[in-house]
Amino acid sequence: MIKLDIINEVVSKTGITKSKAEAAVETVFESMKKALATGDRIELRGFGVFNVRPRKTGIGRNPRTGAEVNIPPGKAVRFKPGKELQSID
């Protein structure tokens, strides 16, 4: 499923215009990006939780040369599915 599929689903369920549905979906995604950028936790009941966790520094290898490469510390977005999403068969 891509963003266009979500937009089309909103149009079919609500009957609003495609441009308004696209603006609504974009607004939701942008607000989620801003919240994660500030380190906030996003909890969507029945779906799951998005949060930002620190990523450790490490040492990796270049597969072509075999040379060691330092991996700098950073942040990664993590998703933990809710109970209802985990119980999908």
C-alpha atoms as a PDB file:
ATOM      1  CA  MET A   1       0.000   0.000   0.000  1.00  0.00           C
ATOM      2  CA  ILE A   2       1.301   3.424  -0.926  1.00  0.00           C
ATOM      3  CA  LYS A   3       0.213   6.923   0.022  1.00  0.00           C
ATOM      4  CA  LEU A   4      -2.010   7.186  -3.058  1.00  0.00           C
ATOM      5  CA  ASP A   5      -3.909   4.076  -1.917  1.00  0.00           C
ATOM      6  CA  ILE A   6      -4.543   5.726   1.465  1.00  0.00           C
ATOM      7  CA  ILE A   7      -5.780   8.889  -0.240  1.00  0.00           C
ATOM      8  CA  ASN A   8      -8.115   6.897  -2.495  1.00  0.00           C
ATOM      9  CA  GLU A   9      -9.456   5.002   0.534  1.00  0.00           C
ATOM     10  CA  VAL A  10     -10.213   8.293   2.319  1.00  0.00           C
ATOM     11  CA  VAL A  11     -12.016   9.566  -0.789  1.00  0.00           C
ATOM     12  CA  SER A  12     -14.129   6.417  -1.099  1.00  0.00           C
ATOM     13  CA  LYS A  13     -15.036   6.265   2.622  1.00  0.00           C
ATOM     14  CA  THR A  14     -15.799   9.948   3.166  1.00  0.00           C
ATOM     15  CA  GLY A  15     -16.841  11.252  -0.245  1.00  0.00           C
ATOM     16  CA  ILE A  16     -14.629  14.338  -0.038  1.00  0.00           C
ATOM     17  CA  THR A  17     -12.632  15.520  -3.024  1.00  0.00           C
ATOM     18  CA  LYS A  18      -9.309  13.931  -3.846  1.00  0.00           C
ATOM     19  CA  SER A  19      -7.400  17.185  -3.295  1.00  0.00           C
ATOM     20  CA  LYS A  20      -8.895  17.612   0.189  1.00  0.00           C
ATOM     21  CA  ALA A  21      -8.142  13.983   1.046  1.00  0.00           C
ATOM     22  CA  GLU A  22      -4.564  14.415  -0.159  1.00  0.00           C
ATOM     23  CA  ALA A  23      -4.179  17.537   1.994  1.00  0.00           C
ATOM     24  CA  ALA A  24      -5.572  15.694   5.019  1.00  0.00           C
ATOM     25  CA  VAL A  25      -3.238  12.708   4.598  1.00  0.00           C
ATOM     26  CA  GLU A  26      -0.240  14.999   4.038  1.00  0.00           C
ATOM     27  CA  THR A  27      -1.139  16.979   7.172  1.00  0.00           C
ATOM     28  CA  VAL A  28      -1.295  13.812   9.263  1.00  0.00           C
ATOM     29  CA  PHE A  29       2.066  12.580   7.979  1.00  0.00           C
ATOM     30  CA  GLU A  30       3.739  15.976   8.434  1.00  0.00           C
ATOM     31  CA  SER A  31       2.475  16.294  12.002  1.00  0.00           C
ATOM     32  CA  MET A  32       3.786  12.786  12.736  1.00  0.00           C
ATOM     33  CA  LYS A  33       7.198  13.694  11.278  1.00  0.00           C
ATOM     34  CA  LYS A  34       7.365  16.868  13.384  1.00  0.00           C
ATOM     35  CA  ALA A  35       6.420  15.003  16.552  1.00  0.00           C
ATOM     36  CA  LEU A  36       9.072  12.334  15.958  1.00  0.00           C
ATOM     37  CA  ALA A  37      11.684  14.988  15.105  1.00  0.00           C
ATOM     38  CA  THR A  38      11.137  16.599  18.515  1.00  0.00           C
ATOM     39  CA  GLY A  39      11.395  13.201  20.221  1.00  0.00           C
ATOM     40  CA  ASP A  40       7.711  12.830  21.056  1.00  0.00           C
ATOM     41  CA  ARG A  41       5.980   9.461  21.224  1.00  0.00           C
ATOM     42  CA  ILE A  42       3.027   8.786  18.889  1.00  0.00           C
ATOM     43  CA  GLU A  43       0.440   6.351  20.222  1.00  0.00           C
ATOM     44  CA  LEU A  44      -2.394   5.260  17.953  1.00  0.00           C
ATOM     45  CA  ARG A  45      -4.752   3.092  20.017  1.00  0.00           C
ATOM     46  CA  GLY A  46      -5.484  -0.217  18.326  1.00  0.00           C
ATOM     47  CA  PHE A  47      -2.643   0.303  15.833  1.00  0.00           C
ATOM     48  CA  GLY A  48       0.660   0.815  17.603  1.00  0.00           C
ATOM     49  CA  VAL A  49       3.290   3.162  18.990  1.00  0.00           C
ATOM     50  CA  PHE A  50       5.993   5.098  17.147  1.00  0.00           C
ATOM     51  CA  ASN A  51       8.948   6.419  19.129  1.00  0.00           C
ATOM     52  CA  VAL A  52      12.518   7.580  18.573  1.00  0.00           C
ATOM     53  CA  ARG A  53      15.329   5.639  20.212  1.00  0.00           C
ATOM     54  CA  PRO A  54      19.037   6.333  20.242  1.00  0.00           C
ATOM     55  CA  ARG A  55      21.162   4.090  18.063  1.00  0.00           C
ATOM     56  CA  LYS A  56      24.503   2.907  19.397  1.00  0.00           C
ATOM     57  CA  THR A  57      27.798   3.614  17.732  1.00  0.00           C
ATOM     58  CA  GLY A  58      29.353   0.559  16.152  1.00  0.00           C
ATOM     59  CA  ILE A  59      31.869  -0.874  13.773  1.00  0.00           C
ATOM     60  CA  GLY A  60      30.827  -2.258  10.404  1.00  0.00           C
ATOM     61  CA  ARG A  61      32.685  -3.690   7.448  1.00  0.00           C
ATOM     62  CA  ASN A  62      32.780  -2.639   3.840  1.00  0.00           C
ATOM     63  CA  PRO A  63      31.746  -5.820   2.001  1.00  0.00           C
ATOM     64  CA  ARG A  64      33.945  -5.064  -1.022  1.00  0.00           C
ATOM     65  CA  THR A  65      37.189  -4.178   0.701  1.00  0.00           C
ATOM     66  CA  GLY A  66      36.701  -5.719   4.131  1.00  0.00           C
ATOM     67  CA  ALA A  67      37.849  -2.454   5.723  1.00  0.00           C
ATOM     68  CA  GLU A  68      36.316  -1.502   9.060  1.00  0.00           C
ATOM     69  CA  VAL A  69      33.970   1.475   9.042  1.00  0.00           C
ATOM     70  CA  ASN A  70      32.847   3.413  12.109  1.00  0.00           C
ATOM     71  CA  ILE A  71      29.076   3.775  12.354  1.00  0.00           C
ATOM     72  CA  PRO A  72      28.210   7.018  14.172  1.00  0.00           C
ATOM     73  CA  PRO A  73      25.531   7.138  16.878  1.00  0.00           C
ATOM     74  CA  GLY A  74      22.170   8.413  15.762  1.00  0.00           C
ATOM     75  CA  LYS A  75      18.455   8.089  16.246  1.00  0.00           C
ATOM     76  CA  ALA A  76      16.072   5.557  14.760  1.00  0.00           C
ATOM     77  CA  VAL A  77      12.283   5.482  14.578  1.00  0.00           C
ATOM     78  CA  ARG A  78      10.813   2.313  16.056  1.00  0.00           C
ATOM     79  CA  PHE A  79       7.300   0.928  15.720  1.00  0.00           C
ATOM     80  CA  LYS A  80       5.662  -1.419  18.203  1.00  0.00           C
ATOM     81  CA  PRO A  81       2.363  -2.843  16.946  1.00  0.00           C
ATOM     82  CA  GLY A  82      -0.679  -2.821  19.215  1.00  0.00           C
ATOM     83  CA  LYS A  83      -2.512  -5.949  20.368  1.00  0.00           C
ATOM     84  CA  GLU A  84      -5.189  -5.682  17.689  1.00  0.00           C
ATOM     85  CA  LEU A  85      -2.585  -5.389  14.930  1.00  0.00           C
ATOM     86  CA  GLN A  86      -0.566  -8.321  16.296  1.00  0.00           C
ATOM     87  CA  SER A  87      -3.605 -10.606  16.298  1.00  0.00           C
ATOM     88  CA  ILE A  88      -4.119 -10.346  12.512  1.00  0.00           C
ATOM     89  CA  ASP A  89      -4.098 -13.813  10.953  1.00  0.00           C
END
